[in-house]
Amino acid sequence: MLRIDPEKMEALEKWAADEFRSINGQIEWIIDQALRKNGRLKKKKIHGKDPS
């Protein structure tokens, strides 16, 4: 269960709709971006090469 205040949830719902994502998909995308930005998750390789 995710606990989030109603104002943030409303903003998240709008953002997800603007990008044609589900709320779950949007949350996963936000988390993925934050982890990558902070060096907590390795970049995905595309066809064996780094996406530099």
PDB file of N, CA and C in Angstrom:
ATOM      1  N   MET A   1       0.842  -1.166   0.000  1.00  0.00           N
ATOM      2  CA  MET A   1       0.000   0.000   0.000  1.00  0.00           C
ATOM      3  C   MET A   1       0.895   1.239   0.000  1.00  0.00           C
ATOM      4  N   LEU A   2       0.534   2.188  -0.795  1.00  0.00           N
ATOM      5  CA  LEU A   2       1.244   3.458  -0.864  1.00  0.00           C
ATOM      6  C   LEU A   2       0.426   4.517  -0.159  1.00  0.00           C
ATOM      7  N   ARG A   3       1.051   5.192   0.769  1.00  0.00           N
ATOM      8  CA  ARG A   3       0.374   6.293   1.461  1.00  0.00           C
ATOM      9  C   ARG A   3       0.924   7.594   0.908  1.00  0.00           C
ATOM     10  N   ILE A   4       0.056   8.379   0.325  1.00  0.00           N
ATOM     11  CA  ILE A   4       0.453   9.644  -0.264  1.00  0.00           C
ATOM     12  C   ILE A   4      -0.675  10.641  -0.053  1.00  0.00           C
ATOM     13  N   ASP A   5      -0.319  11.882   0.215  1.00  0.00           N
ATOM     14  CA  ASP A   5      -1.385  12.840   0.491  1.00  0.00           C
ATOM     15  C   ASP A   5      -2.179  13.131  -0.785  1.00  0.00           C
ATOM     16  N   PRO A   6      -3.439  13.484  -0.645  1.00  0.00           N
ATOM     17  CA  PRO A   6      -4.334  13.661  -1.790  1.00  0.00           C
ATOM     18  C   PRO A   6      -3.842  14.665  -2.838  1.00  0.00           C
ATOM     19  N   GLU A   7      -3.211  15.737  -2.399  1.00  0.00           N
ATOM     20  CA  GLU A   7      -2.718  16.740  -3.354  1.00  0.00           C
ATOM     21  C   GLU A   7      -1.610  16.165  -4.239  1.00  0.00           C
ATOM     22  N   LYS A   8      -0.707  15.397  -3.644  1.00  0.00           N
ATOM     23  CA  LYS A   8       0.364  14.770  -4.417  1.00  0.00           C
ATOM     24  C   LYS A   8      -0.208  13.699  -5.342  1.00  0.00           C
ATOM     25  N   MET A   9      -1.183  12.954  -4.863  1.00  0.00           N
ATOM     26  CA  MET A   9      -1.791  11.910  -5.685  1.00  0.00           C
ATOM     27  C   MET A   9      -2.482  12.509  -6.900  1.00  0.00           C
ATOM     28  N   GLU A  10      -3.168  13.610  -6.696  1.00  0.00           N
ATOM     29  CA  GLU A  10      -3.844  14.287  -7.802  1.00  0.00           C
ATOM     30  C   GLU A  10      -2.821  14.760  -8.848  1.00  0.00           C
ATOM     31  N   ALA A  11      -1.708  15.327  -8.385  1.00  0.00           N
ATOM     32  CA  ALA A  11      -0.663  15.782  -9.301  1.00  0.00           C
ATOM     33  C   ALA A  11      -0.054  14.595 -10.044  1.00  0.00           C
ATOM     34  N   LEU A  12       0.146  13.494  -9.348  1.00  0.00           N
ATOM     35  CA  LEU A  12       0.688  12.283  -9.956  1.00  0.00           C
ATOM     36  C   LEU A  12      -0.257  11.720 -11.009  1.00  0.00           C
ATOM     37  N   GLU A  13      -1.542  11.690 -10.708  1.00  0.00           N
ATOM     38  CA  GLU A  13      -2.540  11.200 -11.665  1.00  0.00           C
ATOM     39  C   GLU A  13      -2.541  12.039 -12.939  1.00  0.00           C
ATOM     40  N   LYS A  14      -2.459  13.360 -12.791  1.00  0.00           N
ATOM     41  CA  LYS A  14      -2.440  14.240 -13.951  1.00  0.00           C
ATOM     42  C   LYS A  14      -1.168  14.028 -14.770  1.00  0.00           C
ATOM     43  N   TRP A  15      -0.029  13.939 -14.090  1.00  0.00           N
ATOM     44  CA  TRP A  15       1.248  13.732 -14.767  1.00  0.00           C
ATOM     45  C   TRP A  15       1.220  12.412 -15.541  1.00  0.00           C
ATOM     46  N   ALA A  16       0.737  11.351 -14.916  1.00  0.00           N
ATOM     47  CA  ALA A  16       0.646  10.046 -15.573  1.00  0.00           C
ATOM     48  C   ALA A  16      -0.251  10.136 -16.810  1.00  0.00           C
ATOM     49  N   ALA A  17      -1.387  10.775 -16.681  1.00  0.00           N
ATOM     50  CA  ALA A  17      -2.306  10.917 -17.821  1.00  0.00           C
ATOM     51  C   ALA A  17      -1.664  11.723 -18.947  1.00  0.00           C
ATOM     52  N   ASP A  18      -0.936  12.779 -18.597  1.00  0.00           N
ATOM     53  CA  ASP A  18      -0.265  13.599 -19.603  1.00  0.00           C
ATOM     54  C   ASP A  18       0.754  12.804 -20.409  1.00  0.00           C
ATOM     55  N   GLU A  19       1.347  11.785 -19.792  1.00  0.00           N
ATOM     56  CA  GLU A  19       2.370  10.978 -20.448  1.00  0.00           C
ATOM     57  C   GLU A  19       1.841   9.607 -20.876  1.00  0.00           C
ATOM     58  N   PHE A  20       0.521   9.446 -20.846  1.00  0.00           N
ATOM     59  CA  PHE A  20      -0.142   8.207 -21.283  1.00  0.00           C
ATOM     60  C   PHE A  20       0.384   6.978 -20.540  1.00  0.00           C
ATOM     61  N   ARG A  21       0.576   7.146 -19.225  1.00  0.00           N
ATOM     62  CA  ARG A  21       1.010   6.038 -18.375  1.00  0.00           C
ATOM     63  C   ARG A  21      -0.047   5.794 -17.307  1.00  0.00           C
ATOM     64  N   SER A  22      -0.022   4.588 -16.759  1.00  0.00           N
ATOM     65  CA  SER A  22      -0.831   4.315 -15.575  1.00  0.00           C
ATOM     66  C   SER A  22      -0.133   4.988 -14.390  1.00  0.00           C
ATOM     67  N   ILE A  23      -0.836   5.119 -13.295  1.00  0.00           N
ATOM     68  CA  ILE A  23      -0.211   5.695 -12.106  1.00  0.00           C
ATOM     69  C   ILE A  23       0.932   4.797 -11.649  1.00  0.00           C
ATOM     70  N   ASN A  24       0.727   3.490 -11.667  1.00  0.00           N
ATOM     71  CA  ASN A  24       1.784   2.557 -11.291  1.00  0.00           C
ATOM     72  C   ASN A  24       2.994   2.719 -12.205  1.00  0.00           C
ATOM     73  N   GLY A  25       2.747   2.818 -13.503  1.00  0.00           N
ATOM     74  CA  GLY A  25       3.830   3.007 -14.464  1.00  0.00           C
ATOM     75  C   GLY A  25       4.575   4.305 -14.212  1.00  0.00           C
ATOM     76  N   GLN A  26       3.853   5.353 -13.872  1.00  0.00           N
ATOM     77  CA  GLN A  26       4.474   6.647 -13.601  1.00  0.00           C
ATOM     78  C   GLN A  26       5.346   6.579 -12.351  1.00  0.00           C
ATOM     79  N   ILE A  27       4.853   5.919 -11.313  1.00  0.00           N
ATOM     80  CA  ILE A  27       5.624   5.776 -10.080  1.00  0.00           C
ATOM     81  C   ILE A  27       6.901   4.982 -10.368  1.00  0.00           C
ATOM     82  N   GLU A  28       6.790   3.893 -11.117  1.00  0.00           N
ATOM     83  CA  GLU A  28       7.974   3.106 -11.463  1.00  0.00           C
ATOM     84  C   GLU A  28       8.966   3.940 -12.262  1.00  0.00           C
ATOM     85  N   TRP A  29       8.482   4.746 -13.204  1.00  0.00           N
ATOM     86  CA  TRP A  29       9.355   5.595 -14.019  1.00  0.00           C
ATOM     87  C   TRP A  29      10.082   6.624 -13.140  1.00  0.00           C
ATOM     88  N   ILE A  30       9.353   7.249 -12.217  1.00  0.00           N
ATOM     89  CA  ILE A  30       9.951   8.239 -11.317  1.00  0.00           C
ATOM     90  C   ILE A  30      11.033   7.593 -10.457  1.00  0.00           C
ATOM     91  N   ILE A  31      10.736   6.438  -9.901  1.00  0.00           N
ATOM     92  CA  ILE A  31      11.701   5.735  -9.067  1.00  0.00           C
ATOM     93  C   ILE A  31      12.923   5.343  -9.887  1.00  0.00           C
ATOM     94  N   ASP A  32      12.707   4.810 -11.080  1.00  0.00           N
ATOM     95  CA  ASP A  32      13.804   4.415 -11.970  1.00  0.00           C
ATOM     96  C   ASP A  32      14.715   5.607 -12.268  1.00  0.00           C
ATOM     97  N   GLN A  33      14.109   6.747 -12.624  1.00  0.00           N
ATOM     98  CA  GLN A  33      14.891   7.942 -12.933  1.00  0.00           C
ATOM     99  C   GLN A  33      15.701   8.405 -11.723  1.00  0.00           C
ATOM    100  N   ALA A  34      15.097   8.408 -10.556  1.00  0.00           N
ATOM    101  CA  ALA A  34      15.792   8.838  -9.339  1.00  0.00           C
ATOM    102  C   ALA A  34      16.952   7.898  -9.002  1.00  0.00           C
ATOM    103  N   LEU A  35      16.732   6.596  -9.129  1.00  0.00           N
ATOM    104  CA  LEU A  35      17.790   5.635  -8.843  1.00  0.00           C
ATOM    105  C   LEU A  35      18.956   5.796  -9.810  1.00  0.00           C
ATOM    106  N   ARG A  36      18.661   5.962 -11.089  1.00  0.00           N
ATOM    107  CA  ARG A  36      19.726   6.141 -12.081  1.00  0.00           C
ATOM    108  C   ARG A  36      20.477   7.450 -11.858  1.00  0.00           C
ATOM    109  N   LYS A  37      19.755   8.517 -11.595  1.00  0.00           N
ATOM    110  CA  LYS A  37      20.366   9.830 -11.389  1.00  0.00           C
ATOM    111  C   LYS A  37      21.338   9.809 -10.208  1.00  0.00           C
ATOM    112  N   ASN A  38      21.017   9.038  -9.204  1.00  0.00           N
ATOM    113  CA  ASN A  38      21.834   8.990  -7.998  1.00  0.00           C
ATOM    114  C   ASN A  38      22.814   7.814  -7.973  1.00  0.00           C
ATOM    115  N   GLY A  39      22.978   7.155  -9.107  1.00  0.00           N
ATOM    116  CA  GLY A  39      23.948   6.074  -9.214  1.00  0.00           C
ATOM    117  C   GLY A  39      23.595   4.829  -8.433  1.00  0.00           C
ATOM    118  N   ARG A  40      22.326   4.639  -8.150  1.00  0.00           N
ATOM    119  CA  ARG A  40      21.877   3.476  -7.378  1.00  0.00           C
ATOM    120  C   ARG A  40      21.449   2.310  -8.262  1.00  0.00           C
ATOM    121  N   LEU A  41      21.345   2.558  -9.558  1.00  0.00           N
ATOM    122  CA  LEU A  41      20.908   1.538 -10.495  1.00  0.00           C
ATOM    123  C   LEU A  41      21.746   1.677 -11.753  1.00  0.00           C
ATOM    124  N   LYS A  42      22.282   0.564 -12.226  1.00  0.00           N
ATOM    125  CA  LYS A  42      23.109   0.600 -13.420  1.00  0.00           C
ATOM    126  C   LYS A  42      22.267   0.901 -14.649  1.00  0.00           C
ATOM    127  N   LYS A  43      22.892   1.559 -15.623  1.00  0.00           N
ATOM    128  CA  LYS A  43      22.204   1.835 -16.883  1.00  0.00           C
ATOM    129  C   LYS A  43      22.003   0.527 -17.623  1.00  0.00           C
ATOM    130  N   LYS A  44      20.883   0.438 -18.330  1.00  0.00           N
ATOM    131  CA  LYS A  44      20.592  -0.759 -19.122  1.00  0.00           C
ATOM    132  C   LYS A  44      21.454  -0.770 -20.356  1.00  0.00           C
ATOM    133  N   LYS A  45      21.903  -1.954 -20.725  1.00  0.00           N
ATOM    134  CA  LYS A  45      22.664  -2.105 -21.956  1.00  0.00           C
ATOM    135  C   LYS A  45      21.712  -2.425 -23.087  1.00  0.00           C
ATOM    136  N   ILE A  46      21.973  -1.847 -24.249  1.00  0.00           N
ATOM    137  CA  ILE A  46      21.162  -2.102 -25.427  1.00  0.00           C
ATOM    138  C   ILE A  46      22.012  -2.890 -26.413  1.00  0.00           C
ATOM    139  N   HIS A  47      21.612  -4.110 -26.711  1.00  0.00           N
ATOM    140  CA  HIS A  47      22.332  -4.984 -27.648  1.00  0.00           C
ATOM    141  C   HIS A  47      23.808  -5.105 -27.270  1.00  0.00           C
ATOM    142  N   GLY A  48      24.079  -5.238 -25.960  1.00  0.00           N
ATOM    143  CA  GLY A  48      25.432  -5.428 -25.490  1.00  0.00           C
ATOM    144  C   GLY A  48      26.280  -4.179 -25.407  1.00  0.00           C
ATOM    145  N   LYS A  49      25.713  -3.019 -25.676  1.00  0.00           N
ATOM    146  CA  LYS A  49      26.472  -1.776 -25.644  1.00  0.00           C
ATOM    147  C   LYS A  49      25.857  -0.825 -24.628  1.00  0.00           C
ATOM    148  N   ASP A  50      26.699   0.016 -24.026  1.00  0.00           N
ATOM    149  CA  ASP A  50      26.198   1.040 -23.111  1.00  0.00           C
ATOM    150  C   ASP A  50      25.517   2.134 -23.916  1.00  0.00           C
ATOM    151  N   PRO A  51      24.358   2.629 -23.444  1.00  0.00           N
ATOM    152  CA  PRO A  51      23.640   3.683 -24.173  1.00  0.00           C
ATOM    153  C   PRO A  51      24.211   5.075 -23.880  1.00  0.00           C
ATOM    154  N   SER A  52      25.472   5.296 -24.201  1.00  0.00           N
ATOM    155  CA  SER A  52      26.134   6.582 -23.919  1.00  0.00           C
ATOM    156  C   SER A  52      25.643   7.700 -24.771  1.00  0.00           C
TER     157      SER A  52
END
